[in-house]
Protein backbone atom coordinates (compact mmCIF):
# COMPACT_ATOMS: atom_id res chain seq x y z
CA MET A 1 -20.43 5.91 7.11
CA LEU A 2 -18.95 6.67 3.67
CA ALA A 3 -15.94 8.74 3.17
CA LEU A 4 -15.87 10.49 -0.13
CA VAL A 5 -12.42 10.55 -1.67
CA LEU A 6 -11.49 12.96 -4.42
CA LEU A 7 -9.61 11.14 -7.30
CA PRO A 8 -8.71 12.65 -10.63
CA GLY A 9 -12.11 13.21 -12.36
CA ARG A 10 -14.22 11.36 -9.95
CA LEU A 11 -15.36 10.85 -6.32
CA LEU A 12 -14.77 7.36 -4.66
CA ALA A 13 -16.98 6.43 -1.67
CA LEU A 14 -14.93 4.36 0.87
CA PRO A 15 -17.15 2.18 3.07
CA ALA A 16 -16.24 0.98 6.57
CA ASN A 17 -17.73 -2.53 6.19
CA LYS A 18 -15.95 -3.97 3.16
CA PRO A 19 -12.50 -3.87 1.43
CA VAL A 20 -11.68 -1.66 -1.48
CA PRO A 21 -8.73 -2.41 -3.74
CA GLY A 22 -5.85 -0.11 -3.13
CA TYR A 23 -6.85 0.56 0.43
CA VAL A 24 -6.27 -1.05 3.86
CA ARG A 25 -8.74 -0.49 6.69
CA VAL A 26 -7.42 -0.32 10.26
CA ARG A 27 -9.60 -0.50 13.32
CA ILE A 28 -8.41 1.69 16.16
CA GLU A 29 -9.97 0.75 19.45
CA THR A 30 -9.97 3.57 21.97
CA SER A 31 -11.41 4.20 25.42
CA GLN A 32 -13.94 6.61 23.73
CA GLY A 33 -15.02 4.18 21.21
CA PRO A 34 -13.74 2.64 17.80
CA ILE A 35 -12.51 4.53 14.81
CA ILE A 36 -12.02 2.80 11.38
CA VAL A 37 -9.54 4.32 8.97
CA SER A 38 -8.88 3.40 5.25
CA VAL A 39 -5.25 3.79 4.37
CA ASP A 40 -4.46 4.77 0.74
CA THR A 41 -1.56 2.43 -0.26
CA ARG A 42 -1.61 3.40 -3.95
CA ARG A 43 -1.19 7.16 -3.76
CA ALA A 44 0.78 7.26 -0.51
CA PRO A 45 2.56 3.98 -0.46
CA LYS A 46 5.53 4.91 1.78
CA THR A 47 3.52 6.73 4.40
CA SER A 48 0.81 3.97 4.45
CA ALA A 49 3.55 1.22 4.88
CA ASN A 50 4.96 3.21 7.84
CA PHE A 51 1.55 3.53 9.50
CA LEU A 52 0.80 -0.16 8.85
CA ALA A 53 4.18 -1.18 10.19
CA TYR A 54 3.28 0.44 13.53
CA VAL A 55 -0.16 -1.33 13.41
CA ASP A 56 1.25 -4.75 12.73
CA ASP A 57 3.90 -4.48 15.30
CA GLY A 58 1.51 -3.32 17.92
CA ARG A 59 3.38 -0.18 18.44
CA PHE A 60 0.13 1.80 18.82
CA ASP A 61 -1.33 -0.57 21.32
CA GLY A 62 -1.42 1.24 24.71
CA THR A 63 -0.61 4.58 23.50
CA THR A 64 -2.99 7.67 23.38
CA PHE A 65 -4.81 10.37 21.57
CA TYR A 66 -3.11 13.15 23.35
CA ARG A 67 -4.06 16.44 21.47
CA ALA A 68 -7.26 18.02 20.52
CA ALA A 69 -6.71 21.24 18.43
CA ARG A 70 -10.07 23.08 18.12
CA ARG A 71 -10.55 26.21 15.98
CA LYS A 72 -11.12 29.36 17.84
CA SER A 73 -13.71 30.63 15.29
CA ALA A 74 -15.44 27.15 15.11
CA PRO A 75 -14.74 24.93 18.04
CA THR A 76 -16.36 21.84 16.68
CA TYR A 77 -13.88 21.79 13.96
CA GLY A 78 -10.06 21.10 14.04
CA LEU A 79 -7.96 17.96 14.47
CA ILE A 80 -7.10 15.24 17.04
CA GLN A 81 -3.47 13.79 17.31
CA GLY A 82 -2.49 10.46 18.68
CA GLY A 83 0.24 7.85 18.47
CA ILE A 84 3.59 7.18 20.37
CA ASP A 85 4.00 10.87 21.43
CA MET A 86 7.65 11.17 22.62
CA ASP A 87 8.09 7.42 23.45
CA ALA A 88 11.16 6.66 21.27
CA ARG A 89 11.06 2.96 22.48
CA ARG A 90 8.17 2.42 20.03
CA SER A 91 9.67 4.34 17.14
CA ILE A 92 10.94 3.14 13.77
CA PRO A 93 13.05 5.11 11.47
CA PRO A 94 11.36 8.08 9.87
CA VAL A 95 9.53 7.89 6.67
CA VAL A 96 10.15 9.72 3.46
CA HIS A 97 7.71 12.66 3.05
CA GLU A 98 4.94 12.34 0.49
CA PRO A 99 3.38 15.72 -0.03
CA THR A 100 -0.02 16.34 -1.13
CA THR A 101 1.12 17.76 -4.44
CA ARG A 102 2.49 14.33 -5.19
CA THR A 103 -0.20 12.24 -3.81
CA GLY A 104 -3.24 14.22 -4.58
CA ILE A 105 -4.63 13.30 -1.15
CA HIS A 106 -5.77 16.72 0.36
CA HIS A 107 -6.73 17.47 3.83
CA LEU A 108 -10.42 17.48 3.71
CA ASP A 109 -12.88 16.45 6.43
CA ALA A 110 -12.07 13.10 7.98
CA THR A 111 -8.59 12.99 6.59
CA LEU A 112 -5.80 10.81 8.03
CA SER A 113 -2.34 12.43 8.02
CA MET A 114 1.04 12.08 9.67
CA ALA A 115 2.26 14.54 12.41
CA ARG A 116 6.03 15.49 12.17
CA PRO A 117 8.55 17.92 13.57
CA ASP A 118 9.27 21.05 11.58
CA ARG A 119 11.65 19.37 9.05
CA PRO A 120 11.10 16.95 6.16
CA ASN A 121 11.41 13.23 6.26
CA SER A 122 10.89 13.30 10.03
CA ALA A 123 7.43 11.67 10.54
CA MET A 124 7.29 8.44 12.59
CA GLY A 125 4.62 7.25 14.81
CA ASN A 126 2.21 10.18 15.44
CA PHE A 127 -0.85 11.01 13.18
CA PHE A 128 -3.80 13.17 13.29
CA MET A 129 -7.34 13.11 11.96
CA THR A 130 -9.11 16.19 10.66
CA ILE A 131 -12.65 17.35 11.49
CA GLY A 132 -13.53 19.72 8.67
CA ALA A 133 -11.32 20.67 5.60
CA THR A 134 -7.92 21.92 6.65
CA PRO A 135 -6.26 23.12 3.39
CA THR A 136 -3.45 24.92 5.42
CA MET A 137 -1.87 21.48 5.82
CA ASP A 138 -1.58 20.85 2.19
CA ALA A 139 1.73 21.64 0.24
CA ARG A 140 2.09 24.72 -1.64
CA GLY A 141 5.11 26.52 -3.04
CA THR A 142 8.12 25.97 -0.76
CA TYR A 143 5.92 24.76 2.03
CA ILE A 144 5.87 21.02 2.18
CA GLY A 145 2.80 20.53 4.26
CA TYR A 146 1.82 17.23 5.89
CA ALA A 147 1.54 13.74 4.39
CA ALA A 148 -2.17 12.80 4.12
CA PHE A 149 -2.56 9.15 3.50
CA GLY A 150 -6.00 8.00 4.29
CA HIS A 151 -9.46 8.78 5.48
CA VAL A 152 -11.63 7.98 8.54
CA VAL A 153 -14.45 5.75 7.41
CA GLY A 154 -16.08 4.85 10.54
CA GLY A 155 -16.38 6.22 14.07
CA MET A 156 -16.27 9.95 13.26
CA ASP A 157 -18.53 10.31 16.28
CA THR A 158 -15.63 9.03 18.35
CA VAL A 159 -13.23 11.37 16.73
CA LYS A 160 -15.65 14.27 17.54
CA ARG A 161 -16.01 13.25 21.15
CA ILE A 162 -12.13 13.27 21.54
CA LEU A 163 -12.02 16.70 19.93
CA ALA A 164 -14.47 18.01 22.58
CA LEU A 165 -12.56 16.78 25.60
CA PRO A 166 -11.01 19.41 28.09
CA THR A 167 -7.53 20.48 27.18
CA GLY A 168 -4.75 22.62 28.52
CA GLY A 169 -0.93 22.69 28.95
CA GLY A 170 1.26 22.35 25.92
CA THR A 171 3.67 24.96 24.49
CA GLY A 172 4.32 26.67 21.11
CA ALA A 173 1.73 25.60 18.44
CA MET A 174 0.23 23.15 20.88
CA ARG A 175 -0.37 25.62 23.74
CA GLY A 176 -3.66 24.76 25.43
CA GLN A 177 -4.30 21.73 23.08
CA MET A 178 -3.11 18.76 25.27
CA ILE A 179 -5.96 16.56 26.38
CA ARG A 180 -6.19 16.62 30.05
CA GLN A 181 -6.94 12.94 30.43
CA PRO A 182 -5.58 11.34 27.30
CA VAL A 183 -7.69 8.93 25.37
CA ARG A 184 -6.27 5.43 25.51
CA ILE A 185 -5.61 3.58 22.26
CA ILE A 186 -6.24 -0.04 23.30
CA ARG A 187 -5.10 -1.51 20.13
CA ALA A 188 -5.07 -1.00 16.34
CA VAL A 189 -5.49 -3.94 13.98
CA ARG A 190 -5.55 -4.09 10.23
CA LEU A 191 -8.98 -5.44 8.77
CA ASP A 192 -7.53 -6.31 5.22
CA GLY A 193 -4.78 -8.41 4.01
CA LYS A 194 -2.13 -10.23 6.07
CA PRO A 195 -0.24 -8.36 8.87
CA GLN A 196 3.45 -7.74 8.07
CA PRO A 197 5.28 -7.17 11.35
CA THR A 198 8.80 -5.61 11.04
CA GLY A 199 10.47 -8.15 13.31
CA ARG A 200 12.18 -5.33 15.08
CA ILE A 201 12.62 -5.56 18.87
CA LYS A 202 9.93 -4.11 21.15
CA PRO A 203 11.71 -2.44 23.95
CA TRP A 204 8.58 -1.02 25.71
CA LEU A 205 7.46 -4.66 26.25
CA MET A 206 10.78 -5.73 27.99
CA GLY A 207 10.40 -6.62 31.61
CA LEU A 208 6.66 -6.88 31.56
CA ASN A 209 6.60 -10.62 32.17
CA ARG A 210 9.03 -10.32 35.10
CA LYS A 211 6.65 -7.70 36.71
CA LYS A 212 3.84 -10.20 36.76
């Protein structure tokens, strides 16, 4: 699979099987199959560093994809969301928001972006992937939008399978969108460069050895 990335004046094809300068690939192994994402460290450096910190610390390992938001008019399009959900034990401090107006990374098909509460500079360890272009997620006027920071370059078939899973529950904007049997994220590992763990404590792992 090749992801076509729009850059000023040109299109860049991001492959799943080899590194590209300025991008770091991450393999997300799930119970539905693998997904490979390419993180744009040049145009969205802060958001990319935040995501990679979660990867290198193993903070995504054992979490889930828990949301599948399908469009009512076109159910095969929408987004899936995963990460630490509400598990504060896995969180690190929020990242400074990098809007699409600054990065130039727009919410096209197969875009990787950060989920956040309804306030700026609040994204932590939850992310989403788009199936189909979602321009309503881009910043415009006083609306800050969401921080897109990469693209899915492999495993879109897995992404689409997750989108199609039965959903229900949820409240507010997520009403009816919670995956009934969340998809397990077995582990996430970087494929390019050397891991740079934060060295922070890992409270969610405490006591595991004593239980064995």
